[in-house]
Protein backbone atom coordinates (compact mmCIF):
# COMPACT_ATOMS: atom_id res chain seq x y z
CA UNK A 1 -130.82 -188.86 -170.84
CA UNK A 2 -130.99 -185.42 -172.42
CA UNK A 3 -132.73 -182.50 -170.80
CA UNK A 4 -136.33 -182.13 -171.96
CA UNK A 5 -138.51 -179.02 -171.84
CA UNK A 6 -142.17 -179.23 -170.90
CA UNK A 7 -144.43 -176.24 -171.55
CA UNK A 8 -147.76 -175.94 -169.75
CA UNK A 9 -150.34 -173.54 -171.09
CA UNK A 10 -153.38 -172.15 -169.34
CA UNK A 11 -155.51 -169.04 -169.44
CA UNK A 12 -153.23 -166.75 -167.42
CA UNK A 13 -150.35 -168.94 -166.18
CA UNK A 14 -151.26 -168.51 -162.51
CA UNK A 15 -152.83 -171.77 -161.30
CA UNK A 16 -150.45 -173.76 -163.43
CA UNK A 17 -147.35 -172.37 -161.71
CA UNK A 18 -148.12 -174.44 -158.59
CA UNK A 19 -148.40 -177.53 -160.79
CA UNK A 20 -145.00 -176.70 -162.33
CA UNK A 21 -143.43 -176.77 -158.85
CA UNK A 22 -145.04 -180.14 -158.08
CA UNK A 23 -143.90 -181.55 -161.44
CA UNK A 24 -140.33 -180.34 -160.88
CA UNK A 25 -140.28 -182.05 -157.47
CA UNK A 26 -141.54 -185.28 -159.09
CA UNK A 27 -138.91 -185.03 -161.86
CA UNK A 28 -136.10 -184.51 -159.33
CA UNK A 29 -137.33 -187.45 -157.26
CA UNK A 30 -137.18 -189.60 -160.41
CA UNK A 31 -133.75 -188.28 -161.40
CA UNK A 32 -135.08 -186.67 -164.60
CA UNK A 33 -133.53 -183.54 -166.08
CA UNK A 34 -136.59 -181.50 -167.00
CA UNK A 35 -137.20 -177.83 -167.54
CA UNK A 36 -140.87 -177.21 -166.81
CA UNK A 37 -142.57 -173.85 -167.18
CA UNK A 38 -146.05 -172.40 -167.49
CA UNK A 39 -147.20 -169.55 -169.67
CA UNK A 40 -150.48 -168.08 -170.85
CA UNK A 41 -151.78 -169.66 -174.06
CA UNK A 42 -151.33 -166.25 -175.70
CA UNK A 43 -147.52 -166.54 -175.28
CA UNK A 44 -147.20 -170.10 -176.61
CA UNK A 45 -146.26 -169.01 -180.14
CA UNK A 46 -143.23 -167.04 -178.93
CA UNK A 47 -141.89 -170.05 -177.00
CA UNK A 48 -142.55 -172.47 -179.86
CA UNK A 49 -140.84 -170.15 -182.35
CA UNK A 50 -137.68 -170.17 -180.19
CA UNK A 51 -137.68 -173.95 -180.32
CA UNK A 52 -136.45 -176.45 -177.75
CA UNK A 53 -139.93 -177.39 -176.49
CA UNK A 54 -140.29 -181.17 -176.22
CA UNK A 55 -143.94 -181.41 -175.19
CA UNK A 56 -146.89 -179.04 -174.74
CA UNK A 57 -149.62 -179.65 -172.17
CA UNK A 58 -152.81 -177.62 -172.02
CA UNK A 59 -154.65 -176.93 -168.77
CA UNK A 60 -158.19 -178.37 -168.75
CA UNK A 61 -159.62 -174.82 -168.78
CA UNK A 62 -158.09 -174.20 -172.24
CA UNK A 63 -158.74 -177.68 -173.68
CA UNK A 64 -161.04 -176.01 -176.23
CA UNK A 65 -157.84 -174.53 -177.78
CA UNK A 66 -156.42 -177.96 -178.66
CA UNK A 67 -157.33 -177.53 -182.34
CA UNK A 68 -155.46 -174.20 -182.49
CA UNK A 69 -152.47 -175.71 -180.73
CA UNK A 70 -152.31 -178.63 -183.17
CA UNK A 71 -151.49 -176.00 -185.79
CA UNK A 72 -149.02 -174.19 -183.53
CA UNK A 73 -146.94 -177.31 -182.72
CA UNK A 74 -146.75 -178.52 -186.33
CA UNK A 75 -143.13 -178.76 -187.41
CA UNK A 76 -141.86 -176.97 -184.28
CA UNK A 77 -140.15 -180.00 -182.77
CA UNK A 78 -136.69 -181.44 -183.18
CA UNK A 79 -135.87 -182.09 -186.83
CA UNK A 80 -139.07 -180.40 -187.99
CA UNK A 81 -141.32 -182.92 -186.27
CA UNK A 82 -144.55 -181.94 -184.53
CA UNK A 83 -144.22 -181.22 -180.81
CA UNK A 84 -146.35 -183.74 -178.85
CA UNK A 85 -149.49 -182.13 -177.44
CA UNK A 86 -151.92 -183.19 -174.73
CA UNK A 87 -154.58 -181.89 -172.38
CA UNK A 88 -153.82 -182.31 -168.68
CA UNK A 89 -156.13 -184.79 -166.99
CA UNK A 90 -158.73 -182.70 -165.15
CA UNK A 91 -158.55 -184.77 -161.95
CA UNK A 92 -154.73 -184.67 -161.88
CA UNK A 93 -154.89 -180.91 -162.46
CA UNK A 94 -157.49 -180.35 -159.76
CA UNK A 95 -155.45 -182.38 -157.27
CA UNK A 96 -152.23 -180.65 -158.42
CA UNK A 97 -150.78 -184.15 -158.92
CA UNK A 98 -147.36 -183.27 -160.36
CA UNK A 99 -146.31 -186.90 -160.58
CA UNK A 100 -149.30 -187.89 -162.70
CA UNK A 101 -149.00 -184.88 -165.02
CA UNK A 102 -145.25 -185.49 -165.41
CA UNK A 103 -146.00 -189.12 -166.30
CA UNK A 104 -148.44 -187.88 -168.96
CA UNK A 105 -145.76 -185.59 -170.43
CA UNK A 106 -143.18 -188.42 -170.41
CA UNK A 107 -145.64 -190.72 -172.18
CA UNK A 108 -146.33 -188.10 -174.87
CA UNK A 109 -142.57 -187.72 -175.44
CA UNK A 110 -142.23 -191.48 -175.65
CA UNK A 111 -139.82 -191.54 -172.71
């Protein structure tokens, strides 16, 4: 299975960094090759322009930006496809449940 890159976006990138660690632990436990990183929503464009992002997850606190992000991810995926986009489940986020959030990302990627 190829390496996949998961980008998490939140207001400042702080609270989400703990979730990244938990997701990486869950990915390793499942034998998945995943690059997972968090960045502020304001930096999302730069990362999407570079390419190589396989799925974008928004923190619940920036779920109101989903409409904006639908435009940002359009055509930025492999072969000009849209990058899958989702909002992290609020309960999973609050509990910092890396396994559940990883499962959400995998489902969005169709893995």
